[in-house]
Amino acid sequence: MIFSFSHPLYLFLLFIIPIFFLIHFLSLKNRKKVALKFANFDAISRIQGVDFFSKNIILLLLSLFIILLMVLAVSGLTFHISKQSSSFSFVIAIDNSQSMQADDFSPNRLTVSKQVAKDFVDTIPYGADIGVVSFSGSSYIEQDISQDKNEIKNAIGNIELSGFGGTDLYEAVITSTNLLKNKENKAIVLLSDGQINVGTIEQVIDYAIGDDVIVHSIAIGTKEGGKTDYAISKLDEDSLKSLSYMTGGNYFTAETKDALAESFAEILKLTKKKVSIKVSDYLILFAVILFAIKFFLENTKYFYIP
């Protein structure tokens, strides 16, 4: 289970809790001094125990818990869980940055990625919605969501190495996610060598989680790397692993064409979808109930604290 906040700035209100705690005990200490002035407080406490403190502690804890619930509510706490699903809408996002010309796959990473991606489209059940995105320093929609497999395969075949530098995974996920708007079960199949040098992986993860999109990452390339026009390009797995793990997807490493094909085949067997549960209303309701309990305790003769 993963959680997120739609308004995380409100979480700063949690600093009220330690301040409230401090004020309470300073006030309690002052009240004790006043009590000692006008009565033999120590004698009373030996006879009656320390209800004066224990009752205050109970009310304090209730108050602090109410504050916590209200802060979490206004911050828009949302839980993201996985459930079983019988069908998915896919976007195939293929990295076409300069590093994908590496020759550790023959003739290069991009060509093999395109070949295997087209085979994947053929194995997807008819009627499934599929889109295609290419990305490097920017992202491009090669094919909007469609059920026409010929259109989809042609779009994949038309992807070429980009002249733009960098690998902007953030924009790739945004573009792919936007294609899947209004779809119920959404998954991105991301092919990349993982060499992300535009944006941060945290931004990518937050955007995908916020839209209940599962990202399956396939890292294409060898650890030894392959030659490109500019340098040796090596596989960078960490970012892709984090993206898949945090969004509920699966991560695959493909160091051969066969391994790449097996990765695609495994993705078709996966049946989990992401579901968001906003709990703000429940938190507010629970806070109101606790407030009512606190009010009752404060005004009950058995609990009354003068």
Protein backbone atom coordinates (compact mmCIF):
# COMPACT_ATOMS: atom_id res chain seq x y z
CA MET A 1 0.00 0.00 0.00
CA ILE A 2 1.27 3.47 -0.95
CA PHE A 3 -0.08 6.80 0.26
CA SER A 4 0.11 10.34 -1.06
CA PHE A 5 -1.18 13.83 -0.22
CA SER A 6 -3.05 16.09 -2.65
CA HIS A 7 -2.22 19.18 -0.54
CA PRO A 8 1.07 18.29 1.20
CA LEU A 9 1.79 21.91 2.20
CA TYR A 10 -0.82 21.63 4.95
CA LEU A 11 1.33 19.02 6.67
CA PHE A 12 3.31 21.87 8.22
CA LEU A 13 0.34 22.23 10.59
CA LEU A 14 1.62 19.10 12.33
CA PHE A 15 4.07 21.41 14.09
CA ILE A 16 1.07 22.52 16.15
CA ILE A 17 1.13 19.19 18.00
CA PRO A 18 4.45 19.60 19.89
CA ILE A 19 3.57 23.27 20.57
CA PHE A 20 0.19 22.23 21.96
CA PHE A 21 1.90 19.56 24.05
CA LEU A 22 4.37 22.07 25.52
CA ILE A 23 1.68 24.65 26.30
CA HIS A 24 -0.42 22.01 28.04
CA PHE A 25 2.32 20.96 30.46
CA LEU A 26 3.42 24.52 31.13
CA SER A 27 -0.18 25.32 32.00
CA LEU A 28 -0.45 22.19 34.16
CA LYS A 29 2.71 23.10 36.02
CA ASN A 30 1.34 26.57 36.70
CA ARG A 31 -1.96 25.14 37.96
CA LYS A 32 -0.08 22.87 40.34
CA LYS A 33 1.74 25.86 41.81
CA VAL A 34 -1.57 27.63 42.37
CA ALA A 35 -3.04 24.52 43.99
CA LEU A 36 -0.07 24.24 46.36
CA LYS A 37 -0.59 27.84 47.42
CA PHE A 38 -4.11 27.27 48.64
CA ALA A 39 -4.11 23.61 49.70
CA ASN A 40 -1.91 20.78 50.82
CA PHE A 41 -1.66 19.32 47.32
CA ASP A 42 0.86 16.61 48.27
CA ALA A 43 -1.42 15.26 51.00
CA ILE A 44 -4.39 15.27 48.63
CA SER A 45 -2.45 13.47 45.94
CA ARG A 46 -1.35 10.75 48.40
CA ILE A 47 -4.96 10.14 49.36
CA GLN A 48 -6.67 10.53 45.95
CA GLY A 49 -3.83 9.49 43.65
CA VAL A 50 -2.85 11.49 40.56
CA ASP A 51 -6.17 11.67 38.72
CA PHE A 52 -5.51 15.36 38.23
CA PHE A 53 -2.68 14.42 35.87
CA SER A 54 -4.05 11.19 34.36
CA LYS A 55 -7.36 12.79 33.38
CA ASN A 56 -5.52 15.69 31.79
CA ILE A 57 -3.30 13.26 29.89
CA ILE A 58 -6.32 11.47 28.45
CA LEU A 59 -7.89 14.73 27.30
CA LEU A 60 -4.55 15.92 25.93
CA LEU A 61 -4.07 12.78 23.87
CA LEU A 62 -7.61 13.04 22.50
CA SER A 63 -7.00 16.67 21.53
CA LEU A 64 -3.70 15.88 19.82
CA PHE A 65 -5.24 12.96 17.93
CA ILE A 66 -8.09 15.20 16.74
CA ILE A 67 -5.54 17.73 15.46
CA LEU A 68 -3.61 14.96 13.69
CA LEU A 69 -6.76 13.64 11.98
CA MET A 70 -7.82 17.11 10.83
CA VAL A 71 -4.37 17.92 9.42
CA LEU A 72 -4.26 14.64 7.50
CA ALA A 73 -7.78 15.33 6.20
CA VAL A 74 -7.04 18.84 4.85
CA SER A 75 -3.76 17.52 3.39
CA GLY A 76 -5.78 15.13 1.23
CA LEU A 77 -4.44 11.79 2.45
CA THR A 78 -5.02 9.13 -0.23
CA PHE A 79 -4.16 5.43 -0.12
CA HIS A 80 -3.22 3.59 -3.31
CA ILE A 81 -3.80 -0.15 -3.33
CA SER A 82 -3.57 -2.91 -5.92
CA LYS A 83 -6.51 -5.05 -7.02
CA GLN A 84 -7.01 -7.73 -9.61
CA SER A 85 -8.12 -6.72 -13.10
CA SER A 86 -8.99 -8.66 -16.23
CA SER A 87 -7.97 -6.00 -18.80
CA PHE A 88 -5.65 -3.04 -19.22
CA SER A 89 -5.09 -0.03 -21.41
CA PHE A 90 -1.40 0.29 -22.33
CA VAL A 91 0.96 2.97 -23.47
CA ILE A 92 4.24 1.69 -24.84
CA ALA A 93 6.88 4.34 -24.15
CA ILE A 94 10.15 3.80 -26.01
CA ASP A 95 13.36 5.67 -25.25
CA ASN A 96 14.81 6.99 -28.52
CA SER A 97 17.63 9.09 -27.05
CA GLN A 98 21.17 8.90 -28.44
CA SER A 99 22.17 6.25 -25.90
CA MET A 100 19.71 3.83 -27.55
CA GLN A 101 22.04 3.55 -30.57
CA ALA A 102 24.39 1.47 -28.41
CA ASP A 103 25.52 -1.70 -30.18
CA ASP A 104 25.30 -4.14 -27.26
CA PHE A 105 22.14 -5.26 -29.11
CA SER A 106 22.37 -5.98 -32.82
CA PRO A 107 22.12 -3.69 -34.69
CA ASN A 108 21.28 -1.39 -31.73
CA ARG A 109 19.01 -1.10 -28.70
CA LEU A 110 16.31 0.96 -30.41
CA THR A 111 15.88 -1.35 -33.40
CA VAL A 112 15.50 -4.43 -31.21
CA SER A 113 13.11 -2.58 -28.86
CA LYS A 114 10.86 -1.71 -31.79
CA GLN A 115 10.87 -5.27 -33.13
CA VAL A 116 9.92 -6.83 -29.81
CA ALA A 117 7.37 -4.10 -29.01
CA LYS A 118 5.53 -4.89 -32.26
CA ASP A 119 5.49 -8.57 -31.34
CA PHE A 120 4.03 -7.57 -27.96
CA VAL A 121 1.21 -5.69 -29.68
CA ASP A 122 0.34 -8.83 -31.65
CA THR A 123 -0.05 -10.82 -28.40
CA ILE A 124 -2.30 -8.28 -26.65
CA PRO A 125 -5.97 -9.36 -26.79
CA TYR A 126 -8.09 -7.65 -29.46
CA GLY A 127 -10.11 -4.71 -28.21
CA ALA A 128 -7.39 -3.45 -25.87
CA ASP A 129 -6.54 0.25 -25.97
CA ILE A 130 -2.90 0.94 -26.83
CA GLY A 131 -0.92 4.13 -27.35
CA VAL A 132 2.70 4.76 -28.33
CA VAL A 133 5.08 7.42 -27.05
CA SER A 134 8.74 8.06 -27.87
CA PHE A 135 10.95 10.11 -25.60
CA SER A 136 14.41 11.60 -25.33
CA GLY A 137 14.95 15.22 -24.27
CA SER A 138 11.23 15.64 -24.97
CA SER A 139 8.30 13.30 -25.57
CA TYR A 140 6.28 12.72 -28.72
CA ILE A 141 2.95 10.94 -29.18
CA GLU A 142 3.59 8.51 -32.01
CA GLN A 143 0.09 7.02 -31.77
CA ASP A 144 -2.91 8.13 -29.75
CA ILE A 145 -4.93 5.47 -27.95
CA SER A 146 -6.22 3.01 -30.55
CA GLN A 147 -7.43 -0.57 -30.96
CA ASP A 148 -6.06 -0.84 -34.51
CA LYS A 149 -2.99 -3.05 -34.19
CA ASN A 150 -1.68 -2.16 -37.65
CA GLU A 151 -1.72 1.54 -36.80
CA ILE A 152 0.03 0.86 -33.52
CA LYS A 153 2.76 -1.30 -35.07
CA ASN A 154 3.35 1.24 -37.84
CA ALA A 155 3.73 3.96 -35.22
CA ILE A 156 6.32 1.87 -33.37
CA GLY A 157 8.17 1.16 -36.61
CA ASN A 158 8.38 4.87 -37.43
CA ILE A 159 10.26 5.76 -34.24
CA GLU A 160 13.79 6.98 -35.03
CA LEU A 161 16.75 8.06 -32.96
CA SER A 162 16.24 11.58 -31.68
CA GLY A 163 18.63 14.41 -32.36
CA PHE A 164 17.79 15.92 -28.99
CA GLY A 165 20.05 15.24 -26.03
CA GLY A 166 19.00 13.87 -22.67
CA THR A 167 16.38 11.45 -21.43
CA ASP A 168 13.36 13.15 -19.90
CA LEU A 169 11.57 10.33 -18.11
CA TYR A 170 9.33 12.81 -16.28
CA GLU A 171 7.78 14.14 -19.47
CA ALA A 172 7.53 10.63 -20.88
CA VAL A 173 5.40 9.50 -17.93
CA ILE A 174 3.28 12.67 -18.03
CA THR A 175 2.61 12.26 -21.76
CA SER A 176 1.82 8.56 -21.42
CA THR A 177 -0.39 9.12 -18.38
CA ASN A 178 -2.35 11.86 -20.15
CA LEU A 179 -3.06 9.47 -23.01
CA LEU A 180 -4.64 7.12 -20.48
CA LYS A 181 -6.98 9.69 -18.95
CA ASN A 182 -10.48 8.32 -18.30
CA LYS A 183 -9.25 4.74 -18.69
CA GLU A 184 -10.02 2.45 -15.77
CA ASN A 185 -6.99 0.15 -15.65
CA LYS A 186 -3.85 1.91 -16.80
CA ALA A 187 -0.32 0.64 -17.40
CA ILE A 188 2.76 2.11 -19.03
CA VAL A 189 5.36 -0.22 -20.52
CA LEU A 190 8.58 1.77 -20.45
CA LEU A 191 11.63 0.70 -22.45
CA SER A 192 14.81 2.55 -21.62
CA ASP A 193 18.46 2.11 -20.76
CA GLY A 194 17.74 4.10 -17.60
CA GLN A 195 20.18 6.94 -18.26
CA ILE A 196 17.90 9.69 -16.97
CA ASN A 197 19.44 13.15 -17.06
CA VAL A 198 16.41 15.45 -17.19
CA GLY A 199 14.05 15.86 -14.21
CA THR A 200 14.08 13.73 -11.06
CA ILE A 201 12.79 10.23 -10.39
CA GLU A 202 10.78 11.55 -7.40
CA GLN A 203 8.75 13.81 -9.70
CA VAL A 204 8.09 10.91 -12.06
CA ILE A 205 6.89 8.63 -9.27
CA ASP A 206 4.61 11.28 -7.73
CA TYR A 207 2.90 11.96 -11.06
CA ALA A 208 2.31 8.29 -11.83
CA ILE A 209 0.98 7.54 -8.34
CA GLY A 210 -1.33 10.54 -8.46
CA ASP A 211 -3.04 9.14 -11.57
CA ASP A 212 -3.14 5.48 -10.49
CA VAL A 213 -0.86 4.42 -13.31
CA ILE A 214 1.25 1.29 -13.02
CA VAL A 215 4.65 1.56 -14.71
CA HIS A 216 6.38 -1.61 -15.88
CA SER A 217 10.00 -0.80 -16.66
CA ILE A 218 12.19 -2.81 -19.00
CA ALA A 219 15.86 -1.89 -18.79
CA ILE A 220 17.44 -2.66 -22.14
CA GLY A 221 21.21 -2.92 -22.33
CA THR A 222 24.13 -4.75 -20.81
CA LYS A 223 26.08 -3.82 -17.72
CA GLU A 224 29.23 -3.74 -19.85
CA GLY A 225 27.53 -1.26 -22.15
CA GLY A 226 27.65 -0.65 -25.87
CA LYS A 227 29.33 1.80 -28.22
CA THR A 228 27.57 4.92 -29.44
CA ASP A 229 28.79 7.83 -31.56
CA TYR A 230 29.79 9.74 -28.47
CA ALA A 231 30.77 7.22 -25.74
CA ILE A 232 30.12 3.85 -24.12
CA SER A 233 26.51 3.68 -22.91
CA LYS A 234 25.92 1.50 -19.87
CA LEU A 235 22.72 0.29 -18.26
CA ASP A 236 21.46 2.37 -15.30
CA GLU A 237 18.92 0.31 -13.37
CA ASP A 238 18.31 2.26 -10.16
CA SER A 239 15.85 4.86 -11.46
CA LEU A 240 13.80 2.33 -13.41
CA LYS A 241 13.65 -0.03 -10.42
CA SER A 242 12.40 2.77 -8.18
CA LEU A 243 9.77 3.86 -10.68
CA SER A 244 8.30 0.38 -11.04
CA TYR A 245 8.47 -0.50 -7.36
CA MET A 246 6.82 2.71 -6.17
CA THR A 247 3.99 2.58 -8.74
CA GLY A 248 3.15 -1.09 -8.17
CA GLY A 249 4.66 -2.26 -11.44
CA ASN A 250 7.35 -4.80 -12.27
CA TYR A 251 10.93 -4.27 -13.28
CA PHE A 252 12.71 -6.36 -15.90
CA THR A 253 16.29 -6.45 -17.12
CA ALA A 254 16.82 -7.37 -20.77
CA GLU A 255 20.40 -8.04 -21.81
CA THR A 256 19.36 -10.05 -24.88
CA LYS A 257 16.56 -9.93 -27.42
CA ASP A 258 15.05 -13.13 -25.99
CA ALA A 259 15.08 -11.66 -22.47
CA LEU A 260 13.32 -8.57 -23.81
CA ALA A 261 10.60 -10.72 -25.41
CA GLU A 262 10.17 -12.66 -22.16
CA SER A 263 9.75 -9.40 -20.25
CA PHE A 264 6.89 -8.35 -22.51
CA ALA A 265 5.29 -11.79 -22.15
CA GLU A 266 5.43 -11.53 -18.35
CA ILE A 267 3.73 -8.13 -18.43
CA LEU A 268 0.69 -9.64 -20.15
CA LYS A 269 0.32 -12.10 -17.27
CA LEU A 270 0.21 -9.35 -14.65
CA THR A 271 -3.33 -8.53 -13.57
CA LYS A 272 -3.00 -5.93 -10.83
CA LYS A 273 -4.48 -2.44 -11.16
CA LYS A 274 -4.09 0.64 -8.97
CA VAL A 275 -7.03 2.00 -6.98
CA SER A 276 -7.06 5.26 -5.00
CA ILE A 277 -8.99 5.61 -1.76
CA LYS A 278 -9.40 9.15 -0.45
CA VAL A 279 -9.85 9.02 3.30
CA SER A 280 -10.36 12.71 4.13
CA ASP A 281 -14.09 12.32 4.83
CA TYR A 282 -13.46 9.34 7.13
CA LEU A 283 -10.77 11.25 9.01
CA ILE A 284 -13.08 14.21 9.57
CA LEU A 285 -15.86 11.90 10.76
CA PHE A 286 -13.50 10.15 13.18
CA ALA A 287 -12.26 13.54 14.45
CA VAL A 288 -15.84 14.65 15.13
CA ILE A 289 -16.52 11.44 17.06
CA LEU A 290 -13.40 11.94 19.16
CA PHE A 291 -14.36 15.56 19.80
CA ALA A 292 -17.78 14.39 21.05
CA ILE A 293 -16.08 11.86 23.35
CA LYS A 294 -13.74 14.55 24.67
CA PHE A 295 -16.66 16.92 25.30
CA PHE A 296 -18.55 14.18 27.14
CA LEU A 297 -15.55 13.39 29.35
CA GLU A 298 -14.93 17.04 30.19
CA ASN A 299 -18.53 17.52 31.26
CA THR A 300 -19.11 14.28 33.14
CA LYS A 301 -19.17 14.60 36.90
CA TYR A 302 -16.97 11.50 37.24
CA PHE A 303 -14.32 13.06 35.00
CA TYR A 304 -14.71 16.73 35.74
CA ILE A 305 -11.44 18.56 36.35
CA PRO A 306 -11.92 21.87 38.24
